[in-house]
C-alpha atoms as a PDB file:
ATOM      1  CA  MET A   1       5.466 -72.289 -32.984  1.00  0.00           C
ATOM      2  CA  VAL A   2       4.785 -69.657 -30.345  1.00  0.00           C
ATOM      3  CA  ARG A   3       1.803 -70.373 -28.082  1.00  0.00           C
ATOM      4  CA  THR A   4      -0.224 -67.192 -28.352  1.00  0.00           C
ATOM      5  CA  ASN A   5      -3.490 -65.931 -26.871  1.00  0.00           C
ATOM      6  CA  SER A   6      -6.002 -63.885 -28.827  1.00  0.00           C
ATOM      7  CA  MET A   7      -6.005 -60.117 -28.361  1.00  0.00           C
ATOM      8  CA  VAL A   8      -8.762 -57.986 -26.890  1.00  0.00           C
ATOM      9  CA  LEU A   9     -10.976 -56.306 -29.474  1.00  0.00           C
ATOM     10  CA  GLU A  10     -13.764 -54.026 -28.286  1.00  0.00           C
ATOM     11  CA  LEU A  11     -17.195 -55.630 -28.397  1.00  0.00           C
ATOM     12  CA  GLY A  12     -19.422 -53.795 -30.847  1.00  0.00           C
ATOM     13  CA  PHE A  13     -16.495 -53.393 -33.268  1.00  0.00           C
ATOM     14  CA  GLN A  14     -17.897 -53.123 -36.787  1.00  0.00           C
ATOM     15  CA  LEU A  15     -16.676 -55.616 -39.357  1.00  0.00           C
ATOM     16  CA  PRO A  16     -14.594 -53.724 -41.937  1.00  0.00           C
ATOM     17  CA  ASN A  17     -14.981 -54.125 -45.675  1.00  0.00           C
ATOM     18  CA  PHE A  18     -12.861 -56.839 -47.238  1.00  0.00           C
ATOM     19  CA  GLU A  19     -12.242 -58.770 -50.433  1.00  0.00           C
ATOM     20  CA  MET A  20     -10.038 -61.864 -50.521  1.00  0.00           C
ATOM     21  CA  LEU A  21      -9.424 -64.932 -52.648  1.00  0.00           C
ATOM     22  CA  ASN A  22     -11.712 -67.796 -51.661  1.00  0.00           C
ATOM     23  CA  ALA A  23      -9.361 -70.773 -51.616  1.00  0.00           C
ATOM     24  CA  ASN A  24     -12.381 -73.058 -51.207  1.00  0.00           C
ATOM     25  CA  SER A  25     -13.609 -72.185 -54.697  1.00  0.00           C
ATOM     26  CA  SER A  26     -12.830 -74.197 -57.805  1.00  0.00           C
ATOM     27  CA  LYS A  27     -12.892 -71.019 -59.914  1.00  0.00           C
ATOM     28  CA  ASN A  28     -10.457 -68.932 -57.816  1.00  0.00           C
ATOM     29  CA  GLU A  29     -13.272 -66.506 -57.046  1.00  0.00           C
ATOM     30  CA  TYR A  30     -12.971 -63.585 -54.680  1.00  0.00           C
ATOM     31  CA  PHE A  31     -15.285 -63.186 -51.695  1.00  0.00           C
ATOM     32  CA  ASN A  32     -16.165 -59.850 -50.141  1.00  0.00           C
ATOM     33  CA  TYR A  33     -18.339 -58.159 -47.538  1.00  0.00           C
ATOM     34  CA  HIS A  34     -21.243 -57.908 -49.976  1.00  0.00           C
ATOM     35  CA  ASN A  35     -21.321 -61.696 -50.434  1.00  0.00           C
ATOM     36  CA  LEU A  36     -22.410 -62.094 -46.810  1.00  0.00           C
ATOM     37  CA  ASP A  37     -26.102 -62.784 -46.211  1.00  0.00           C
ATOM     38  CA  ASN A  38     -28.567 -61.804 -43.481  1.00  0.00           C
ATOM     39  CA  ARG A  39     -27.453 -64.385 -40.923  1.00  0.00           C
ATOM     40  CA  HIS A  40     -25.057 -63.652 -38.090  1.00  0.00           C
ATOM     41  CA  LEU A  41     -21.391 -64.300 -38.882  1.00  0.00           C
ATOM     42  CA  LEU A  42     -18.707 -66.545 -37.436  1.00  0.00           C
ATOM     43  CA  LEU A  43     -15.237 -65.537 -38.602  1.00  0.00           C
ATOM     44  CA  MET A  44     -12.311 -67.730 -37.683  1.00  0.00           C
ATOM     45  CA  PHE A  45      -8.638 -67.339 -38.383  1.00  0.00           C
ATOM     46  CA  ILE A  46      -7.232 -70.785 -39.022  1.00  0.00           C
ATOM     47  CA  CYS A  47      -4.667 -72.385 -41.348  1.00  0.00           C
ATOM     48  CA  ALA A  48      -3.672 -75.753 -42.756  1.00  0.00           C
ATOM     49  CA  HIS A  49      -0.558 -76.635 -40.750  1.00  0.00           C
ATOM     50  CA  CYS A  50      -1.237 -75.509 -37.150  1.00  0.00           C
ATOM     51  CA  PRO A  51      -1.574 -78.386 -34.639  1.00  0.00           C
ATOM     52  CA  PHE A  52      -4.118 -76.372 -32.620  1.00  0.00           C
ATOM     53  CA  VAL A  53      -6.294 -76.102 -35.738  1.00  0.00           C
ATOM     54  CA  LYS A  54      -5.803 -79.730 -36.727  1.00  0.00           C
ATOM     55  CA  TYR A  55      -6.974 -80.695 -33.242  1.00  0.00           C
ATOM     56  CA  ILE A  56     -10.373 -79.025 -33.800  1.00  0.00           C
ATOM     57  CA  GLU A  57     -10.909 -79.571 -37.549  1.00  0.00           C
ATOM     58  CA  ASN A  58     -13.783 -82.019 -37.076  1.00  0.00           C
ATOM     59  CA  GLN A  59     -15.368 -79.838 -34.400  1.00  0.00           C
ATOM     60  CA  ILE A  60     -15.292 -76.930 -36.868  1.00  0.00           C
ATOM     61  CA  PHE A  61     -17.210 -79.108 -39.350  1.00  0.00           C
ATOM     62  CA  ILE A  62     -19.806 -80.143 -36.739  1.00  0.00           C
ATOM     63  CA  LEU A  63     -20.234 -76.639 -35.347  1.00  0.00           C
ATOM     64  CA  SER A  64     -20.598 -74.953 -38.738  1.00  0.00           C
ATOM     65  CA  LYS A  65     -23.349 -77.429 -39.685  1.00  0.00           C
ATOM     66  CA  ASP A  66     -25.131 -77.119 -36.334  1.00  0.00           C
ATOM     67  CA  ILE A  67     -25.356 -73.321 -36.469  1.00  0.00           C
ATOM     68  CA  GLU A  68     -25.804 -72.755 -40.209  1.00  0.00           C
ATOM     69  CA  ASN A  69     -29.508 -71.851 -39.990  1.00  0.00           C
ATOM     70  CA  THR A  70     -28.688 -68.649 -38.089  1.00  0.00           C
ATOM     71  CA  VAL A  71     -24.927 -68.160 -38.478  1.00  0.00           C
ATOM     72  CA  GLN A  72     -22.807 -68.143 -41.650  1.00  0.00           C
ATOM     73  CA  THR A  73     -19.208 -69.299 -41.289  1.00  0.00           C
ATOM     74  CA  VAL A  74     -16.162 -67.820 -43.012  1.00  0.00           C
ATOM     75  CA  ALA A  75     -12.594 -69.003 -42.419  1.00  0.00           C
ATOM     76  CA  ILE A  76      -9.480 -66.930 -43.079  1.00  0.00           C
ATOM     77  CA  SER A  77      -5.809 -67.788 -43.276  1.00  0.00           C
ATOM     78  CA  SER A  78      -3.385 -64.898 -42.929  1.00  0.00           C
ATOM     79  CA  ASN A  79      -0.111 -66.805 -42.648  1.00  0.00           C
ATOM     80  CA  ASP A  80       2.814 -65.771 -44.835  1.00  0.00           C
ATOM     81  CA  ILE A  81       3.132 -68.511 -47.457  1.00  0.00           C
ATOM     82  CA  VAL A  82       6.743 -67.683 -48.276  1.00  0.00           C
ATOM     83  CA  THR A  83       7.796 -68.737 -44.785  1.00  0.00           C
ATOM     84  CA  HIS A  84       4.956 -71.293 -44.463  1.00  0.00           C
ATOM     85  CA  PRO A  85       4.120 -72.714 -47.921  1.00  0.00           C
ATOM     86  CA  SER A  86       1.959 -75.416 -46.321  1.00  0.00           C
ATOM     87  CA  ASP A  87      -0.669 -72.681 -45.864  1.00  0.00           C
ATOM     88  CA  SER A  88      -0.878 -71.768 -49.558  1.00  0.00           C
ATOM     89  CA  PRO A  89      -4.362 -71.379 -51.089  1.00  0.00           C
ATOM     90  CA  LYS A  90      -3.915 -74.775 -52.766  1.00  0.00           C
ATOM     91  CA  ASN A  91      -3.292 -76.422 -49.391  1.00  0.00           C
ATOM     92  CA  LEU A  92      -6.148 -74.510 -47.750  1.00  0.00           C
ATOM     93  CA  ARG A  93      -8.482 -75.878 -50.445  1.00  0.00           C
ATOM     94  CA  LEU A  94      -7.146 -79.390 -49.891  1.00  0.00           C
ATOM     95  CA  GLN A  95      -7.732 -79.034 -46.146  1.00  0.00           C
ATOM     96  CA  ALA A  96     -11.306 -77.831 -46.744  1.00  0.00           C
ATOM     97  CA  GLN A  97     -12.038 -80.697 -49.143  1.00  0.00           C
ATOM     98  CA  THR A  98     -10.574 -83.278 -46.762  1.00  0.00           C
ATOM     99  CA  GLN A  99     -12.655 -81.949 -43.865  1.00  0.00           C
ATOM    100  CA  GLY A 100     -15.867 -81.491 -45.862  1.00  0.00           C
ATOM    101  CA  TRP A 101     -15.948 -77.740 -45.232  1.00  0.00           C
ATOM    102  CA  SER A 102     -18.291 -75.959 -47.624  1.00  0.00           C
ATOM    103  CA  PHE A 103     -17.875 -72.450 -46.189  1.00  0.00           C
ATOM    104  CA  PRO A 104     -15.621 -69.800 -47.789  1.00  0.00           C
ATOM    105  CA  TYR A 105     -11.952 -70.107 -46.817  1.00  0.00           C
ATOM    106  CA  LEU A 106     -10.247 -66.820 -47.564  1.00  0.00           C
ATOM    107  CA  TYR A 107      -6.575 -66.098 -48.120  1.00  0.00           C
ATOM    108  CA  ASP A 108      -5.531 -62.812 -46.490  1.00  0.00           C
ATOM    109  CA  GLU A 109      -2.473 -62.330 -48.676  1.00  0.00           C
ATOM    110  CA  ASN A 110      -1.382 -58.893 -47.416  1.00  0.00           C
ATOM    111  CA  GLN A 111      -2.410 -59.689 -43.810  1.00  0.00           C
ATOM    112  CA  ASN A 112      -4.302 -56.384 -43.574  1.00  0.00           C
ATOM    113  CA  PHE A 113      -7.587 -57.969 -42.541  1.00  0.00           C
ATOM    114  CA  ALA A 114      -5.931 -59.866 -39.700  1.00  0.00           C
ATOM    115  CA  LYS A 115      -4.354 -56.635 -38.511  1.00  0.00           C
ATOM    116  CA  GLU A 116      -7.674 -54.774 -38.637  1.00  0.00           C
ATOM    117  CA  LEU A 117      -9.238 -57.419 -36.376  1.00  0.00           C
ATOM    118  CA  LYS A 118      -6.141 -57.739 -34.164  1.00  0.00           C
ATOM    119  CA  ALA A 119      -6.017 -61.434 -34.975  1.00  0.00           C
ATOM    120  CA  ALA A 120      -3.103 -63.043 -33.163  1.00  0.00           C
ATOM    121  CA  CYS A 121      -3.357 -66.824 -33.292  1.00  0.00           C
ATOM    122  CA  THR A 122      -4.803 -69.840 -35.041  1.00  0.00           C
ATOM    123  CA  PRO A 123      -7.514 -70.586 -34.179  1.00  0.00           C
ATOM    124  CA  ASP A 124      -9.008 -67.170 -33.349  1.00  0.00           C
ATOM    125  CA  PHE A 125     -12.834 -66.923 -33.254  1.00  0.00           C
ATOM    126  CA  TYR A 126     -15.015 -63.848 -33.836  1.00  0.00           C
ATOM    127  CA  LEU A 127     -18.825 -63.944 -33.677  1.00  0.00           C
ATOM    128  CA  PHE A 128     -20.586 -60.942 -35.240  1.00  0.00           C
ATOM    129  CA  SER A 129     -24.244 -60.049 -34.792  1.00  0.00           C
ATOM    130  CA  ASN A 130     -26.304 -58.992 -37.791  1.00  0.00           C
ATOM    131  CA  GLU A 131     -29.550 -57.153 -37.256  1.00  0.00           C
ATOM    132  CA  GLY A 132     -30.329 -57.247 -40.971  1.00  0.00           C
ATOM    133  CA  ASP A 133     -29.067 -53.736 -41.671  1.00  0.00           C
ATOM    134  CA  GLY A 134     -25.752 -54.818 -43.185  1.00  0.00           C
ATOM    135  CA  ASP A 135     -23.765 -53.938 -40.076  1.00  0.00           C
ATOM    136  CA  PHE A 136     -21.904 -56.818 -38.488  1.00  0.00           C
ATOM    137  CA  LEU A 137     -20.964 -55.982 -34.890  1.00  0.00           C
ATOM    138  CA  LEU A 138     -18.599 -58.010 -32.721  1.00  0.00           C
ATOM    139  CA  TYR A 139     -20.548 -59.980 -30.124  1.00  0.00           C
ATOM    140  CA  TYR A 140     -18.045 -62.607 -28.972  1.00  0.00           C
ATOM    141  CA  HIS A 141     -14.294 -62.999 -29.371  1.00  0.00           C
ATOM    142  CA  GLY A 142     -12.783 -65.950 -27.586  1.00  0.00           C
ATOM    143  CA  GLN A 143     -12.080 -69.637 -27.406  1.00  0.00           C
ATOM    144  CA  LEU A 144     -13.985 -72.565 -28.846  1.00  0.00           C
ATOM    145  CA  ASP A 145     -13.951 -74.289 -25.450  1.00  0.00           C
ATOM    146  CA  ASP A 146     -11.542 -75.302 -22.671  1.00  0.00           C
ATOM    147  CA  SER A 147     -10.151 -78.285 -24.582  1.00  0.00           C
ATOM    148  CA  LYS A 148      -6.586 -77.931 -25.851  1.00  0.00           C
ATOM    149  CA  PRO A 149      -4.168 -80.514 -27.243  1.00  0.00           C
ATOM    150  CA  GLY A 150      -2.952 -82.679 -24.389  1.00  0.00           C
ATOM    151  CA  ASN A 151      -5.190 -81.395 -21.553  1.00  0.00           C
ATOM    152  CA  ASN A 152      -7.627 -84.353 -21.734  1.00  0.00           C
ATOM    153  CA  ILE A 153     -10.733 -82.115 -21.748  1.00  0.00           C
ATOM    154  CA  PRO A 154     -13.192 -83.349 -24.406  1.00  0.00           C
ATOM    155  CA  LEU A 155     -13.912 -81.072 -27.348  1.00  0.00           C
ATOM    156  CA  SER A 156     -17.435 -79.651 -27.217  1.00  0.00           C
ATOM    157  CA  GLY A 157     -17.366 -76.128 -28.654  1.00  0.00           C
ATOM    158  CA  LYS A 158     -19.100 -75.125 -25.405  1.00  0.00           C
ATOM    159  CA  ASP A 159     -18.016 -71.475 -25.189  1.00  0.00           C
ATOM    160  CA  LEU A 160     -18.721 -70.620 -28.806  1.00  0.00           C
ATOM    161  CA  ARG A 161     -21.979 -72.580 -28.878  1.00  0.00           C
ATOM    162  CA  SER A 162     -23.141 -70.753 -25.758  1.00  0.00           C
ATOM    163  CA  ALA A 163     -22.338 -67.405 -27.393  1.00  0.00           C
ATOM    164  CA  VAL A 164     -24.308 -68.375 -30.520  1.00  0.00           C
ATOM    165  CA  ASN A 165     -27.251 -69.376 -28.325  1.00  0.00           C
ATOM    166  CA  ASP A 166     -27.093 -66.065 -26.447  1.00  0.00           C
ATOM    167  CA  LEU A 167     -26.944 -64.150 -29.729  1.00  0.00           C
ATOM    168  CA  ASN A 168     -29.936 -66.023 -31.160  1.00  0.00           C
ATOM    169  CA  GLN A 169     -31.892 -65.136 -28.016  1.00  0.00           C
ATOM    170  CA  ASP A 170     -30.890 -61.455 -28.235  1.00  0.00           C
ATOM    171  CA  ASN A 171     -29.078 -61.636 -24.924  1.00  0.00           C
ATOM    172  CA  SER A 172     -26.422 -59.125 -23.922  1.00  0.00           C
ATOM    173  CA  TYR A 173     -22.758 -59.867 -24.584  1.00  0.00           C
ATOM    174  CA  PRO A 174     -21.631 -63.131 -22.978  1.00  0.00           C
ATOM    175  CA  SER A 175     -19.695 -62.258 -19.828  1.00  0.00           C
ATOM    176  CA  ASN A 176     -17.388 -65.266 -20.081  1.00  0.00           C
ATOM    177  CA  GLN A 177     -15.159 -64.505 -23.057  1.00  0.00           C
ATOM    178  CA  MET A 178     -11.963 -66.476 -22.533  1.00  0.00           C
ATOM    179  CA  PRO A 179      -9.173 -65.775 -25.039  1.00  0.00           C
ATOM    180  CA  SER A 180      -8.371 -68.373 -27.634  1.00  0.00           C
ATOM    181  CA  LEU A 181      -4.984 -70.099 -27.553  1.00  0.00           C
ATOM    182  CA  GLY A 182      -3.014 -71.352 -30.513  1.00  0.00           C
ATOM    183  CA  CYS A 183      -0.001 -70.829 -32.739  1.00  0.00           C
ATOM    184  CA  ASN A 184       0.897 -67.242 -33.549  1.00  0.00           C
ATOM    185  CA  ILE A 185      -0.077 -65.946 -36.970  1.00  0.00           C
ATOM    186  CA  LYS A 186       2.964 -66.200 -39.227  1.00  0.00           C
ATOM    187  CA  TRP A 187       3.482 -62.541 -40.054  1.00  0.00           C
ATOM    188  CA  THR A 188       5.569 -61.448 -43.013  1.00  0.00           C
ATOM    189  CA  PRO A 189       9.056 -60.747 -41.613  1.00  0.00           C
ATOM    190  CA  GLY A 190       9.487 -57.028 -41.022  1.00  0.00           C
ATOM    191  CA  LYS A 191       5.724 -56.360 -41.255  1.00  0.00           C
ATOM    192  CA  GLU A 192       4.591 -57.702 -37.902  1.00  0.00           C
ATOM    193  CA  PRO A 193       1.892 -55.711 -36.074  1.00  0.00           C
ATOM    194  CA  SER A 194       2.923 -53.671 -33.032  1.00  0.00           C
ATOM    195  CA  TRP A 195       1.311 -56.120 -30.596  1.00  0.00           C
ATOM    196  CA  PHE A 196       3.461 -59.007 -31.841  1.00  0.00           C
ATOM    197  CA  LYS A 197       6.862 -57.324 -31.486  1.00  0.00           C
END
């Protein structure tokens, strides 16, 4: 495990097209950009084995339910499952079932989507605005809150919840966008992005 902060991605960045296996589907269905609806979008890079993710699993459940009227949630795991088989689609589905997550949980097999969004760690949170025109634009990229394993700060989701509130009120970009901290994404050996080397 390498403790890693999220990267900077320019606010206003447009969500690229994608299509990935939805591990949280009993029929092994694929999920793509066109399956998104008219709500705003919370994307989060997580996985099944990371202790930073395990620490916030219940908060993810609570948050996704609290914001679901205005924000749709999609989770993604981009970890190499050859080096980390505990993050296989089967184990992602088991994690989702155990935690009661009903949102799509996508498996980024070739890691291209993570690279397009400069994802660096698990968890890594991206909040996209949607004005109803099919364009999802990056509004917030940062931490869930100040709580981390072992620092004795209670989990609240404060930073992300505040960003969702600002977005729902059509406020400008939140000024306080603190990077997320977690385990590095487990890149396929020899195919790491330039910012990881």
